[in-house]
């Protein structure tokens, strides 16, 4: 069967073959660190009379005055102040650990997980390096697992680049060697 010439996976395979045939290197390694948000609630509408979206997070800086059944602990990262807090400010540590455990159960090696800069539950999980095609395949599986583990815990994970205004967005650093 002939493959589609613009298929991203096919392009990655050809890039790996070209690298090897060029004599530049036998192999290149890639280690992505995708960033994402985990929200407690996501509401939206796109009706004839109005359009809106609203995200909610117990970690959000804008929820300092909110009332919660278990009380409001007051531990929240400020806007652009969420890089590497520890529990209790980082309320998602255990959820990310569950994500890591699930990723490793399916053979995806991880190296790091932590809270990212933005308030409202921005996270990052870094994986061990591998070939371009293998890492691309793993990245799709990783996103699927992250979203499903979040859902299983009553939360929503999104890889949208900028789901909240006025704070950092999400990207994906890629280590290459």
C-alpha atoms as a PDB file:
ATOM      1  CA  UNK A   1       0.000   0.000   0.000  1.00  0.00           C
ATOM      2  CA  UNK A   2       1.303   3.443  -0.918  1.00  0.00           C
ATOM      3  CA  UNK A   3       1.538   5.906   1.933  1.00  0.00           C
ATOM      4  CA  UNK A   4       0.314   9.496   1.834  1.00  0.00           C
ATOM      5  CA  UNK A   5       3.377  11.689   1.268  1.00  0.00           C
ATOM      6  CA  UNK A   6       2.328  14.320   3.819  1.00  0.00           C
ATOM      7  CA  UNK A   7       1.473  11.882   6.591  1.00  0.00           C
ATOM      8  CA  UNK A   8       3.373  13.221   9.657  1.00  0.00           C
ATOM      9  CA  UNK A   9       4.404   9.740  10.751  1.00  0.00           C
ATOM     10  CA  UNK A  10       5.701   8.961   7.253  1.00  0.00           C
ATOM     11  CA  UNK A  11       7.600  12.255   7.181  1.00  0.00           C
ATOM     12  CA  UNK A  12       9.195  11.392  10.528  1.00  0.00           C
ATOM     13  CA  UNK A  13      10.258   7.975   9.220  1.00  0.00           C
ATOM     14  CA  UNK A  14      11.782   9.549   6.103  1.00  0.00           C
ATOM     15  CA  UNK A  15      13.569  12.160   8.239  1.00  0.00           C
ATOM     16  CA  UNK A  16      15.111   9.420  10.382  1.00  0.00           C
ATOM     17  CA  UNK A  17      16.196   7.514   7.261  1.00  0.00           C
ATOM     18  CA  UNK A  18      17.657  10.671   5.707  1.00  0.00           C
ATOM     19  CA  UNK A  19      19.632  11.477   8.851  1.00  0.00           C
ATOM     20  CA  UNK A  20      21.186   8.029   8.808  1.00  0.00           C
ATOM     21  CA  UNK A  21      21.893   8.060   5.047  1.00  0.00           C
ATOM     22  CA  UNK A  22      23.471  11.531   5.211  1.00  0.00           C
ATOM     23  CA  UNK A  23      26.206  10.323   7.530  1.00  0.00           C
ATOM     24  CA  UNK A  24      25.508  13.168   9.954  1.00  0.00           C
ATOM     25  CA  UNK A  25      24.391  10.757  12.668  1.00  0.00           C
ATOM     26  CA  UNK A  26      23.028   7.259  13.074  1.00  0.00           C
ATOM     27  CA  UNK A  27      20.117   8.410  15.191  1.00  0.00           C
ATOM     28  CA  UNK A  28      18.543  11.466  16.826  1.00  0.00           C
ATOM     29  CA  UNK A  29      16.752  11.417  20.167  1.00  0.00           C
ATOM     30  CA  UNK A  30      13.812  13.521  21.297  1.00  0.00           C
ATOM     31  CA  UNK A  31      12.401  14.066  24.785  1.00  0.00           C
ATOM     32  CA  UNK A  32       9.225  16.175  24.868  1.00  0.00           C
ATOM     33  CA  UNK A  33       7.835  17.916  27.945  1.00  0.00           C
ATOM     34  CA  UNK A  34       4.194  18.733  27.166  1.00  0.00           C
ATOM     35  CA  UNK A  35       2.426  21.321  29.311  1.00  0.00           C
ATOM     36  CA  UNK A  36      -1.295  21.193  30.028  1.00  0.00           C
ATOM     37  CA  UNK A  37      -3.965  22.520  32.367  1.00  0.00           C
ATOM     38  CA  UNK A  38      -6.135  20.469  34.702  1.00  0.00           C
ATOM     39  CA  UNK A  39      -9.472  22.118  35.492  1.00  0.00           C
ATOM     40  CA  UNK A  40     -12.113  21.222  38.057  1.00  0.00           C
ATOM     41  CA  UNK A  41     -14.891  22.405  35.739  1.00  0.00           C
ATOM     42  CA  UNK A  42     -15.301  23.520  32.148  1.00  0.00           C
ATOM     43  CA  UNK A  43     -18.477  25.234  30.987  1.00  0.00           C
ATOM     44  CA  UNK A  44     -19.198  26.539  27.515  1.00  0.00           C
ATOM     45  CA  UNK A  45     -21.983  27.415  25.097  1.00  0.00           C
ATOM     46  CA  UNK A  46     -22.246  28.465  21.496  1.00  0.00           C
ATOM     47  CA  UNK A  47     -25.915  29.295  21.068  1.00  0.00           C
ATOM     48  CA  UNK A  48     -27.809  31.736  18.878  1.00  0.00           C
ATOM     49  CA  UNK A  49     -27.984  34.310  21.644  1.00  0.00           C
ATOM     50  CA  UNK A  50     -24.618  33.981  23.335  1.00  0.00           C
ATOM     51  CA  UNK A  51     -21.218  32.383  23.349  1.00  0.00           C
ATOM     52  CA  UNK A  52     -19.030  31.798  26.383  1.00  0.00           C
ATOM     53  CA  UNK A  53     -16.581  29.527  28.090  1.00  0.00           C
ATOM     54  CA  UNK A  54     -15.646  29.378  31.751  1.00  0.00           C
ATOM     55  CA  UNK A  55     -13.022  27.252  33.438  1.00  0.00           C
ATOM     56  CA  UNK A  56     -12.836  26.567  37.141  1.00  0.00           C
ATOM     57  CA  UNK A  57      -9.955  25.488  39.319  1.00  0.00           C
ATOM     58  CA  UNK A  58      -9.622  25.328  43.070  1.00  0.00           C
ATOM     59  CA  UNK A  59      -5.994  26.396  42.475  1.00  0.00           C
ATOM     60  CA  UNK A  60      -6.991  29.504  40.505  1.00  0.00           C
ATOM     61  CA  UNK A  61      -5.798  32.828  41.880  1.00  0.00           C
ATOM     62  CA  UNK A  62      -9.259  34.281  41.223  1.00  0.00           C
ATOM     63  CA  UNK A  63     -10.870  31.806  43.661  1.00  0.00           C
ATOM     64  CA  UNK A  64      -9.433  33.180  46.899  1.00  0.00           C
ATOM     65  CA  UNK A  65     -12.929  34.206  48.013  1.00  0.00           C
ATOM     66  CA  UNK A  66     -14.712  31.040  46.882  1.00  0.00           C
ATOM     67  CA  UNK A  67     -16.546  28.812  49.344  1.00  0.00           C
ATOM     68  CA  UNK A  68     -15.830  25.087  49.175  1.00  0.00           C
ATOM     69  CA  UNK A  69     -17.476  22.203  51.042  1.00  0.00           C
ATOM     70  CA  UNK A  70     -14.167  21.302  52.684  1.00  0.00           C
ATOM     71  CA  UNK A  71     -13.275  24.932  53.371  1.00  0.00           C
ATOM     72  CA  UNK A  72     -10.999  27.328  51.520  1.00  0.00           C
ATOM     73  CA  UNK A  73      -7.410  26.647  52.569  1.00  0.00           C
ATOM     74  CA  UNK A  74      -6.071  29.766  50.869  1.00  0.00           C
ATOM     75  CA  UNK A  75      -3.153  27.867  49.320  1.00  0.00           C
ATOM     76  CA  UNK A  76      -3.028  29.068  45.722  1.00  0.00           C
ATOM     77  CA  UNK A  77      -0.271  30.016  43.337  1.00  0.00           C
ATOM     78  CA  UNK A  78      -0.617  33.608  42.194  1.00  0.00           C
ATOM     79  CA  UNK A  79      -0.833  34.658  38.558  1.00  0.00           C
ATOM     80  CA  UNK A  80       2.467  33.597  36.945  1.00  0.00           C
ATOM     81  CA  UNK A  81       3.520  32.264  40.364  1.00  0.00           C
ATOM     82  CA  UNK A  82       2.910  28.547  39.982  1.00  0.00           C
ATOM     83  CA  UNK A  83       6.354  27.285  39.013  1.00  0.00           C
ATOM     84  CA  UNK A  84       7.315  24.322  41.193  1.00  0.00           C
ATOM     85  CA  UNK A  85       5.225  24.856  44.335  1.00  0.00           C
ATOM     86  CA  UNK A  86       4.932  21.915  46.695  1.00  0.00           C
ATOM     87  CA  UNK A  87       1.790  20.582  48.379  1.00  0.00           C
ATOM     88  CA  UNK A  88      -0.466  21.937  49.755  1.00  0.00           C
ATOM     89  CA  UNK A  89      -0.209  24.745  47.162  1.00  0.00           C
ATOM     90  CA  UNK A  90       0.325  22.155  44.412  1.00  0.00           C
ATOM     91  CA  UNK A  91      -2.970  20.298  44.785  1.00  0.00           C
ATOM     92  CA  UNK A  92      -2.350  18.198  41.663  1.00  0.00           C
ATOM     93  CA  UNK A  93       0.820  16.380  42.745  1.00  0.00           C
ATOM     94  CA  UNK A  94      -0.957  13.111  43.535  1.00  0.00           C
ATOM     95  CA  UNK A  95      -3.005  13.251  40.327  1.00  0.00           C
ATOM     96  CA  UNK A  96       0.155  13.722  38.236  1.00  0.00           C
ATOM     97  CA  UNK A  97       1.762  10.822  40.139  1.00  0.00           C
ATOM     98  CA  UNK A  98      -1.217   8.663  39.130  1.00  0.00           C
ATOM     99  CA  UNK A  99      -0.732   9.788  35.526  1.00  0.00           C
ATOM    100  CA  UNK A 100       2.974   8.875  35.722  1.00  0.00           C
ATOM    101  CA  UNK A 101       2.157   5.441  37.120  1.00  0.00           C
ATOM    102  CA  UNK A 102      -0.316   4.787  34.305  1.00  0.00           C
ATOM    103  CA  UNK A 103       2.143   6.014  31.657  1.00  0.00           C
ATOM    104  CA  UNK A 104       4.832   3.704  32.999  1.00  0.00           C
ATOM    105  CA  UNK A 105       2.392   0.761  33.046  1.00  0.00           C
ATOM    106  CA  UNK A 106       2.077   1.099  29.259  1.00  0.00           C
ATOM    107  CA  UNK A 107       5.840   1.447  28.774  1.00  0.00           C
ATOM    108  CA  UNK A 108       6.272   5.229  28.556  1.00  0.00           C
ATOM    109  CA  UNK A 109       9.295   6.173  30.659  1.00  0.00           C
ATOM    110  CA  UNK A 110       8.949   9.472  32.506  1.00  0.00           C
ATOM    111  CA  UNK A 111      11.613  11.651  34.065  1.00  0.00           C
ATOM    112  CA  UNK A 112       9.838  14.530  35.786  1.00  0.00           C
ATOM    113  CA  UNK A 113       6.452  15.995  36.641  1.00  0.00           C
ATOM    114  CA  UNK A 114       5.695  19.315  38.276  1.00  0.00           C
ATOM    115  CA  UNK A 115       3.387  22.302  38.451  1.00  0.00           C
ATOM    116  CA  UNK A 116       4.084  24.913  35.788  1.00  0.00           C
ATOM    117  CA  UNK A 117       4.097  28.723  35.945  1.00  0.00           C
ATOM    118  CA  UNK A 118       0.408  29.519  35.460  1.00  0.00           C
ATOM    119  CA  UNK A 119      -2.185  29.456  38.192  1.00  0.00           C
ATOM    120  CA  UNK A 120      -5.284  27.261  37.793  1.00  0.00           C
ATOM    121  CA  UNK A 121      -3.569  23.885  37.466  1.00  0.00           C
ATOM    122  CA  UNK A 122      -0.904  24.163  34.784  1.00  0.00           C
ATOM    123  CA  UNK A 123       1.296  21.037  34.758  1.00  0.00           C
ATOM    124  CA  UNK A 124       4.196  19.474  32.887  1.00  0.00           C
ATOM    125  CA  UNK A 125       5.303  15.862  32.484  1.00  0.00           C
ATOM    126  CA  UNK A 126       8.692  15.118  30.936  1.00  0.00           C
ATOM    127  CA  UNK A 127       9.457  11.799  29.296  1.00  0.00           C
ATOM    128  CA  UNK A 128      12.691   9.953  28.624  1.00  0.00           C
ATOM    129  CA  UNK A 129      14.187  10.487  25.178  1.00  0.00           C
ATOM    130  CA  UNK A 130      13.690   8.117  22.271  1.00  0.00           C
ATOM    131  CA  UNK A 131      13.592   8.097  18.476  1.00  0.00           C
ATOM    132  CA  UNK A 132      11.389  10.599  16.661  1.00  0.00           C
ATOM    133  CA  UNK A 133       8.760   8.091  15.497  1.00  0.00           C
ATOM    134  CA  UNK A 134       8.598   6.248  18.826  1.00  0.00           C
ATOM    135  CA  UNK A 135       8.344   9.482  20.804  1.00  0.00           C
ATOM    136  CA  UNK A 136       5.640  10.878  18.490  1.00  0.00           C
ATOM    137  CA  UNK A 137       3.593   7.694  18.945  1.00  0.00           C
ATOM    138  CA  UNK A 138       4.129   7.826  22.713  1.00  0.00           C
ATOM    139  CA  UNK A 139       3.091  11.480  22.851  1.00  0.00           C
ATOM    140  CA  UNK A 140      -0.349  10.693  21.422  1.00  0.00           C
ATOM    141  CA  UNK A 141      -0.764   7.854  23.917  1.00  0.00           C
ATOM    142  CA  UNK A 142       0.447  10.153  26.706  1.00  0.00           C
ATOM    143  CA  UNK A 143      -2.179  12.807  25.922  1.00  0.00           C
ATOM    144  CA  UNK A 144      -4.884  10.128  25.869  1.00  0.00           C
ATOM    145  CA  UNK A 145      -3.794   8.781  29.252  1.00  0.00           C
ATOM    146  CA  UNK A 146      -3.504  12.233  30.861  1.00  0.00           C
ATOM    147  CA  UNK A 147      -7.006  13.198  29.726  1.00  0.00           C
ATOM    148  CA  UNK A 148      -8.508   9.902  30.894  1.00  0.00           C
ATOM    149  CA  UNK A 149      -6.803   9.858  34.301  1.00  0.00           C
ATOM    150  CA  UNK A 150      -8.003  13.433  34.853  1.00  0.00           C
ATOM    151  CA  UNK A 151     -11.529  12.444  33.812  1.00  0.00           C
ATOM    152  CA  UNK A 152     -11.490   9.419  36.118  1.00  0.00           C
ATOM    153  CA  UNK A 153     -10.735  11.867  38.955  1.00  0.00           C
ATOM    154  CA  UNK A 154     -13.544  14.279  38.043  1.00  0.00           C
ATOM    155  CA  UNK A 155     -11.296  16.796  36.288  1.00  0.00           C
ATOM    156  CA  UNK A 156     -10.606  17.948  32.724  1.00  0.00           C
ATOM    157  CA  UNK A 157      -7.128  18.057  31.189  1.00  0.00           C
ATOM    158  CA  UNK A 158      -6.521  20.244  28.159  1.00  0.00           C
ATOM    159  CA  UNK A 159      -3.510  20.814  25.950  1.00  0.00           C
ATOM    160  CA  UNK A 160      -4.990  24.035  24.549  1.00  0.00           C
ATOM    161  CA  UNK A 161      -2.208  26.609  24.185  1.00  0.00           C
ATOM    162  CA  UNK A 162      -3.936  29.468  26.048  1.00  0.00           C
ATOM    163  CA  UNK A 163      -7.121  28.511  27.923  1.00  0.00           C
ATOM    164  CA  UNK A 164      -6.937  31.421  30.412  1.00  0.00           C
ATOM    165  CA  UNK A 165      -6.233  35.086  29.786  1.00  0.00           C
ATOM    166  CA  UNK A 166      -3.519  37.051  31.590  1.00  0.00           C
ATOM    167  CA  UNK A 167      -1.327  34.103  32.581  1.00  0.00           C
ATOM    168  CA  UNK A 168       1.135  31.774  30.917  1.00  0.00           C
ATOM    169  CA  UNK A 169      -0.042  29.425  28.209  1.00  0.00           C
ATOM    170  CA  UNK A 170       1.044  25.869  27.534  1.00  0.00           C
ATOM    171  CA  UNK A 171       3.757  24.740  25.164  1.00  0.00           C
ATOM    172  CA  UNK A 172       5.994  21.735  24.735  1.00  0.00           C
ATOM    173  CA  UNK A 173       9.740  21.897  25.186  1.00  0.00           C
ATOM    174  CA  UNK A 174      11.554  19.202  23.244  1.00  0.00           C
ATOM    175  CA  UNK A 175      15.054  18.114  24.217  1.00  0.00           C
ATOM    176  CA  UNK A 176      16.988  16.929  21.196  1.00  0.00           C
ATOM    177  CA  UNK A 177      20.304  15.139  20.943  1.00  0.00           C
END
